All heavy atoms as atom14 arrays in JSON, in Angstrom:
{
  "sequence": "DRKEAWVLETSGKYWAAEKVEGGVRNISNQ",
  "atom14_mask": [
    [1, 1, 1, 1, 1, 1, 1, 1, 0, 0, 0, 0, 0, 0],
    [1, 1, 1, 1, 1, 1, 1, 1, 1, 1, 1, 0, 0, 0],
    [1, 1, 1, 1, 1, 1, 1, 1, 1, 0, 0, 0, 0, 0],
    [1, 1, 1, 1, 1, 1, 1, 1, 1, 0, 0, 0, 0, 0],
    [1, 1, 1, 1, 1, 0, 0, 0, 0, 0, 0, 0, 0, 0],
    [1, 1, 1, 1, 1, 1, 1, 1, 1, 1, 1, 1, 1, 1],
    [1, 1, 1, 1, 1, 1, 1, 0, 0, 0, 0, 0, 0, 0],
    [1, 1, 1, 1, 1, 1, 1, 1, 0, 0, 0, 0, 0, 0],
    [1, 1, 1, 1, 1, 1, 1, 1, 1, 0, 0, 0, 0, 0],
    [1, 1, 1, 1, 1, 1, 1, 0, 0, 0, 0, 0, 0, 0],
    [1, 1, 1, 1, 1, 1, 0, 0, 0, 0, 0, 0, 0, 0],
    [1, 1, 1, 1, 0, 0, 0, 0, 0, 0, 0, 0, 0, 0],
    [1, 1, 1, 1, 1, 1, 1, 1, 1, 0, 0, 0, 0, 0],
    [1, 1, 1, 1, 1, 1, 1, 1, 1, 1, 1, 1, 0, 0],
    [1, 1, 1, 1, 1, 1, 1, 1, 1, 1, 1, 1, 1, 1],
    [1, 1, 1, 1, 1, 0, 0, 0, 0, 0, 0, 0, 0, 0],
    [1, 1, 1, 1, 1, 0, 0, 0, 0, 0, 0, 0, 0, 0],
    [1, 1, 1, 1, 1, 1, 1, 1, 1, 0, 0, 0, 0, 0],
    [1, 1, 1, 1, 1, 1, 1, 1, 1, 0, 0, 0, 0, 0],
    [1, 1, 1, 1, 1, 1, 1, 0, 0, 0, 0, 0, 0, 0],
    [1, 1, 1, 1, 1, 1, 1, 1, 1, 0, 0, 0, 0, 0],
    [1, 1, 1, 1, 0, 0, 0, 0, 0, 0, 0, 0, 0, 0],
    [1, 1, 1, 1, 0, 0, 0, 0, 0, 0, 0, 0, 0, 0],
    [1, 1, 1, 1, 1, 1, 1, 0, 0, 0, 0, 0, 0, 0],
    [1, 1, 1, 1, 1, 1, 1, 1, 1, 1, 1, 0, 0, 0],
    [1, 1, 1, 1, 1, 1, 1, 1, 0, 0, 0, 0, 0, 0],
    [1, 1, 1, 1, 1, 1, 1, 1, 0, 0, 0, 0, 0, 0],
    [1, 1, 1, 1, 1, 1, 0, 0, 0, 0, 0, 0, 0, 0],
    [1, 1, 1, 1, 1, 1, 1, 1, 0, 0, 0, 0, 0, 0],
    [1, 1, 1, 1, 1, 1, 1, 1, 1, 0, 0, 0, 0, 0]
  ],
  "atom14_positions": [
    [[18.17, -4.49, 8.27], [18.89, -4.12, 9.56], [20.13, -3.39, 9.06], [20.3, -3.03, 7.97], [19.26, -5.25, 10.43], [20.22, -6.32, 9.87], [21.05, -5.91, 8.95], [20.12, -7.55, 10.17], [0.0, 0.0, 0.0], [0.0, 0.0, 0.0], [0.0, 0.0, 0.0], [0.0, 0.0, 0.0], [0.0, 0.0, 0.0], [0.0, 0.0, 0.0]],
    [[21.02, -3.11, 10.02], [22.26, -2.34, 9.68], [23.11, -3.02, 8.64], [23.97, -2.33, 8.02], [23.03, -2.05, 10.97], [22.37, -1.09, 11.81], [23.32, -0.97, 13.21], [22.63, -0.25, 14.25], [22.95, 1.05, 14.53], [23.69, 1.77, 13.73], [22.28, 1.68, 15.41], [0.0, 0.0, 0.0], [0.0, 0.0, 0.0], [0.0, 0.0, 0.0]],
    [[23.01, -4.3, 8.6], [24.03, -5.0, 7.76], [23.5, -5.73, 6.52], [24.21, -6.0, 5.52], [24.77, -6.14, 8.65], [25.55, -5.53, 9.81], [26.15, -6.58, 10.55], [27.03, -5.94, 11.7], [27.44, -6.86, 12.69], [0.0, 0.0, 0.0], [0.0, 0.0, 0.0], [0.0, 0.0, 0.0], [0.0, 0.0, 0.0], [0.0, 0.0, 0.0]],
    [[22.18, -6.0, 6.41], [21.53, -6.65, 5.36], [20.14, -6.28, 5.13], [19.51, -5.84, 6.03], [21.79, -8.2, 5.38], [21.02, -8.78, 6.64], [21.33, -10.33, 6.66], [22.25, -10.85, 6.01], [20.61, -11.01, 7.36], [0.0, 0.0, 0.0], [0.0, 0.0, 0.0], [0.0, 0.0, 0.0], [0.0, 0.0, 0.0], [0.0, 0.0, 0.0]],
    [[19.65, -6.69, 3.96], [18.26, -6.42, 3.61], [17.69, -7.58, 2.82], [18.42, -8.25, 2.04], [18.03, -5.12, 2.83], [0.0, 0.0, 0.0], [0.0, 0.0, 0.0], [0.0, 0.0, 0.0], [0.0, 0.0, 0.0], [0.0, 0.0, 0.0], [0.0, 0.0, 0.0], [0.0, 0.0, 0.0], [0.0, 0.0, 0.0], [0.0, 0.0, 0.0]],
    [[16.45, -7.86, 3.03], [15.79, -8.93, 2.33], [14.52, -8.51, 1.78], [13.81, -7.64, 2.4], [15.47, -10.15, 3.29], [16.6, -10.84, 3.7], [17.51, -10.5, 4.78], [17.03, -12.08, 3.26], [18.57, -11.48, 4.89], [18.31, -12.42, 4.04], [16.72, -12.96, 2.2], [19.0, -13.64, 3.77], [17.36, -14.13, 2.01], [18.55, -14.52, 2.84]],
    [[14.05, -9.1, 0.69], [12.65, -8.95, 0.23], [12.0, -10.4, 0.3], [12.54, -11.38, -0.07], [12.69, -8.52, -1.3], [11.19, -8.61, -1.91], [13.36, -7.32, -1.45], [0.0, 0.0, 0.0], [0.0, 0.0, 0.0], [0.0, 0.0, 0.0], [0.0, 0.0, 0.0], [0.0, 0.0, 0.0], [0.0, 0.0, 0.0], [0.0, 0.0, 0.0]],
    [[10.97, -10.27, 1.0], [10.09, -11.62, 1.19], [8.79, -11.3, 0.43], [8.12, -10.42, 0.67], [9.79, -11.84, 2.64], [8.75, -12.88, 3.06], [9.19, -14.23, 2.56], [8.61, -12.81, 4.5], [0.0, 0.0, 0.0], [0.0, 0.0, 0.0], [0.0, 0.0, 0.0], [0.0, 0.0, 0.0], [0.0, 0.0, 0.0], [0.0, 0.0, 0.0]],
    [[8.37, -12.3, -0.43], [7.18, -12.22, -1.08], [6.34, -13.53, -0.85], [7.06, -14.59, -0.84], [7.33, -11.95, -2.6], [7.92, -10.44, -2.82], [8.19, -10.16, -4.16], [8.29, -10.99, -5.12], [8.18, -8.94, -4.44], [0.0, 0.0, 0.0], [0.0, 0.0, 0.0], [0.0, 0.0, 0.0], [0.0, 0.0, 0.0], [0.0, 0.0, 0.0]],
    [[5.06, -13.35, -0.82], [4.32, -14.59, -0.4], [3.16, -14.87, -1.41], [2.64, -13.89, -2.04], [3.64, -14.43, 0.98], [2.68, -13.3, 0.97], [4.77, -14.06, 2.01], [0.0, 0.0, 0.0], [0.0, 0.0, 0.0], [0.0, 0.0, 0.0], [0.0, 0.0, 0.0], [0.0, 0.0, 0.0], [0.0, 0.0, 0.0], [0.0, 0.0, 0.0]],
    [[2.77, -16.16, -1.36], [1.47, -16.57, -2.21], [0.87, -17.65, -1.36], [1.33, -18.8, -1.36], [1.94, -17.0, -3.56], [0.83, -17.5, -4.22], [0.0, 0.0, 0.0], [0.0, 0.0, 0.0], [0.0, 0.0, 0.0], [0.0, 0.0, 0.0], [0.0, 0.0, 0.0], [0.0, 0.0, 0.0], [0.0, 0.0, 0.0], [0.0, 0.0, 0.0]],
    [[-0.12, -17.24, -0.63], [-0.72, -18.27, 0.31], [0.35, -18.56, 1.42], [0.97, -17.65, 2.0], [0.0, 0.0, 0.0], [0.0, 0.0, 0.0], [0.0, 0.0, 0.0], [0.0, 0.0, 0.0], [0.0, 0.0, 0.0], [0.0, 0.0, 0.0], [0.0, 0.0, 0.0], [0.0, 0.0, 0.0], [0.0, 0.0, 0.0], [0.0, 0.0, 0.0]],
    [[0.56, -19.82, 1.58], [1.58, -20.22, 2.57], [2.92, -20.41, 1.96], [3.99, -20.48, 2.59], [1.26, -21.51, 3.27], [1.39, -22.76, 2.41], [1.09, -24.05, 3.31], [1.48, -25.32, 2.42], [1.36, -26.44, 3.28], [0.0, 0.0, 0.0], [0.0, 0.0, 0.0], [0.0, 0.0, 0.0], [0.0, 0.0, 0.0], [0.0, 0.0, 0.0]],
    [[3.05, -20.19, 0.59], [4.32, -20.33, -0.11], [4.98, -19.08, -0.22], [4.21, -17.98, -0.24], [4.11, -20.99, -1.54], [3.37, -22.35, -1.37], [2.02, -22.37, -1.52], [4.19, -23.43, -1.11], [1.51, -23.71, -1.36], [3.66, -24.68, -0.98], [2.29, -24.86, -1.06], [1.64, -26.11, -0.81], [0.0, 0.0, 0.0], [0.0, 0.0, 0.0]],
    [[6.29, -19.02, -0.29], [7.07, -17.79, -0.19], [8.44, -17.99, -0.88], [8.94, -19.14, -0.96], [7.26, -17.32, 1.26], [7.86, -18.32, 2.08], [7.14, -19.31, 2.83], [9.31, -18.48, 2.42], [8.25, -20.06, 3.58], [9.34, -19.63, 3.26], [10.32, -17.89, 1.96], [10.63, -20.04, 3.77], [11.59, -18.42, 2.42], [11.69, -19.41, 3.37]],
    [[9.02, -16.82, -1.23], [10.34, -16.7, -1.75], [11.07, -15.52, -1.02], [10.19, -14.51, -0.89], [10.45, -16.67, -3.33], [0.0, 0.0, 0.0], [0.0, 0.0, 0.0], [0.0, 0.0, 0.0], [0.0, 0.0, 0.0], [0.0, 0.0, 0.0], [0.0, 0.0, 0.0], [0.0, 0.0, 0.0], [0.0, 0.0, 0.0], [0.0, 0.0, 0.0]],
    [[12.34, -15.6, -0.83], [13.06, -14.49, -0.26], [14.35, -14.2, -1.16], [14.97, -15.23, -1.52], [13.27, -14.71, 1.22], [0.0, 0.0, 0.0], [0.0, 0.0, 0.0], [0.0, 0.0, 0.0], [0.0, 0.0, 0.0], [0.0, 0.0, 0.0], [0.0, 0.0, 0.0], [0.0, 0.0, 0.0], [0.0, 0.0, 0.0], [0.0, 0.0, 0.0]],
    [[14.65, -13.02, -1.31], [15.82, -12.59, -2.05], [16.6, -11.63, -1.11], [16.16, -10.65, -0.51], [15.34, -11.8, -3.28], [16.5, -11.17, -4.06], [16.05, -10.22, -5.26], [14.88, -10.3, -5.61], [16.9, -9.46, -5.59], [0.0, 0.0, 0.0], [0.0, 0.0, 0.0], [0.0, 0.0, 0.0], [0.0, 0.0, 0.0], [0.0, 0.0, 0.0]],
    [[17.91, -12.01, -0.97], [18.84, -11.15, -0.2], [19.24, -9.97, -1.09], [19.66, -10.29, -2.26], [20.03, -11.81, 0.4], [20.97, -11.09, 1.2], [21.94, -11.98, 1.77], [22.78, -11.14, 2.75], [23.9, -11.98, 3.44], [0.0, 0.0, 0.0], [0.0, 0.0, 0.0], [0.0, 0.0, 0.0], [0.0, 0.0, 0.0], [0.0, 0.0, 0.0]],
    [[19.03, -8.72, -0.68], [19.47, -7.59, -1.47], [20.96, -7.46, -1.42], [21.44, -7.28, -0.29], [18.77, -6.3, -0.98], [19.09, -5.07, -1.84], [17.19, -6.57, -1.08], [0.0, 0.0, 0.0], [0.0, 0.0, 0.0], [0.0, 0.0, 0.0], [0.0, 0.0, 0.0], [0.0, 0.0, 0.0], [0.0, 0.0, 0.0], [0.0, 0.0, 0.0]],
    [[21.61, -7.53, -2.49], [23.14, -7.47, -2.49], [23.64, -6.15, -2.79], [24.86, -5.91, -2.71], [23.66, -8.54, -3.59], [23.22, -9.98, -3.28], [23.82, -10.55, -2.01], [24.81, -9.99, -1.43], [23.3, -11.63, -1.65], [0.0, 0.0, 0.0], [0.0, 0.0, 0.0], [0.0, 0.0, 0.0], [0.0, 0.0, 0.0], [0.0, 0.0, 0.0]],
    [[22.93, -5.21, -3.2], [23.27, -3.83, -3.49], [22.39, -3.17, -4.46], [21.34, -3.68, -4.81], [0.0, 0.0, 0.0], [0.0, 0.0, 0.0], [0.0, 0.0, 0.0], [0.0, 0.0, 0.0], [0.0, 0.0, 0.0], [0.0, 0.0, 0.0], [0.0, 0.0, 0.0], [0.0, 0.0, 0.0], [0.0, 0.0, 0.0], [0.0, 0.0, 0.0]],
    [[22.69, -1.87, -4.7], [21.78, -1.09, -5.52], [20.5, -0.67, -4.83], [20.52, -0.44, -3.7], [0.0, 0.0, 0.0], [0.0, 0.0, 0.0], [0.0, 0.0, 0.0], [0.0, 0.0, 0.0], [0.0, 0.0, 0.0], [0.0, 0.0, 0.0], [0.0, 0.0, 0.0], [0.0, 0.0, 0.0], [0.0, 0.0, 0.0], [0.0, 0.0, 0.0]],
    [[19.44, -0.58, -5.6], [18.04, -0.26, -5.04], [17.16, -1.33, -5.2], [17.28, -2.2, -6.22], [17.5, 1.07, -5.66], [18.39, 2.25, -5.31], [17.31, 0.98, -7.09], [0.0, 0.0, 0.0], [0.0, 0.0, 0.0], [0.0, 0.0, 0.0], [0.0, 0.0, 0.0], [0.0, 0.0, 0.0], [0.0, 0.0, 0.0], [0.0, 0.0, 0.0]],
    [[16.06, -1.53, -4.38], [15.16, -2.53, -4.49], [13.81, -1.95, -3.89], [13.82, -1.26, -3.05], [15.61, -3.74, -3.7], [14.75, -4.99, -3.87], [14.94, -5.53, -5.37], [14.42, -6.81, -5.41], [13.06, -7.1, -5.54], [12.22, -6.09, -5.55], [12.7, -8.4, -5.66], [0.0, 0.0, 0.0], [0.0, 0.0, 0.0], [0.0, 0.0, 0.0]],
    [[12.81, -2.37, -4.66], [11.39, -1.88, -4.13], [10.42, -3.02, -4.34], [10.64, -4.05, -4.95], [10.87, -0.55, -4.79], [10.69, -0.84, -6.36], [11.59, -1.48, -7.02], [9.63, -0.31, -6.97], [0.0, 0.0, 0.0], [0.0, 0.0, 0.0], [0.0, 0.0, 0.0], [0.0, 0.0, 0.0], [0.0, 0.0, 0.0], [0.0, 0.0, 0.0]],
    [[9.25, -2.85, -3.76], [8.12, -3.65, -3.79], [6.8, -2.88, -3.96], [6.75, -1.8, -3.62], [7.91, -4.63, -2.43], [7.76, -3.72, -1.27], [9.14, -5.56, -2.36], [7.42, -4.64, -0.01], [0.0, 0.0, 0.0], [0.0, 0.0, 0.0], [0.0, 0.0, 0.0], [0.0, 0.0, 0.0], [0.0, 0.0, 0.0], [0.0, 0.0, 0.0]],
    [[5.83, -3.58, -4.6], [4.58, -2.82, -4.77], [3.47, -3.73, -5.27], [3.33, -3.83, -6.46], [4.76, -1.69, -5.69], [3.63, -0.93, -5.85], [0.0, 0.0, 0.0], [0.0, 0.0, 0.0], [0.0, 0.0, 0.0], [0.0, 0.0, 0.0], [0.0, 0.0, 0.0], [0.0, 0.0, 0.0], [0.0, 0.0, 0.0], [0.0, 0.0, 0.0]],
    [[2.71, -4.35, -4.41], [1.54, -5.07, -4.85], [1.63, -6.02, -5.99], [0.68, -6.3, -6.65], [0.31, -4.2, -4.93], [0.0, -3.36, -3.73], [0.53, -2.19, -3.67], [-0.66, -3.8, -2.84], [0.0, 0.0, 0.0], [0.0, 0.0, 0.0], [0.0, 0.0, 0.0], [0.0, 0.0, 0.0], [0.0, 0.0, 0.0], [0.0, 0.0, 0.0]],
    [[2.77, -6.59, -6.17], [2.9, -7.66, -7.23], [4.22, -8.35, -6.85], [5.11, -7.85, -6.18], [3.05, -6.92, -8.56], [4.29, -6.17, -8.9], [4.28, -5.45, -10.18], [3.28, -4.86, -10.51], [5.37, -5.61, -10.88], [0.0, 0.0, 0.0], [0.0, 0.0, 0.0], [0.0, 0.0, 0.0], [0.0, 0.0, 0.0], [0.0, 0.0, 0.0]]
  ]
}
């Protein structure tokens, strides 16, 4: 959103999320 960003990754019903604190961040099928 305008103020924050998150990366959410899943494995089945299990998941982990990382709050993006700065810089650049990407995801790609892993």
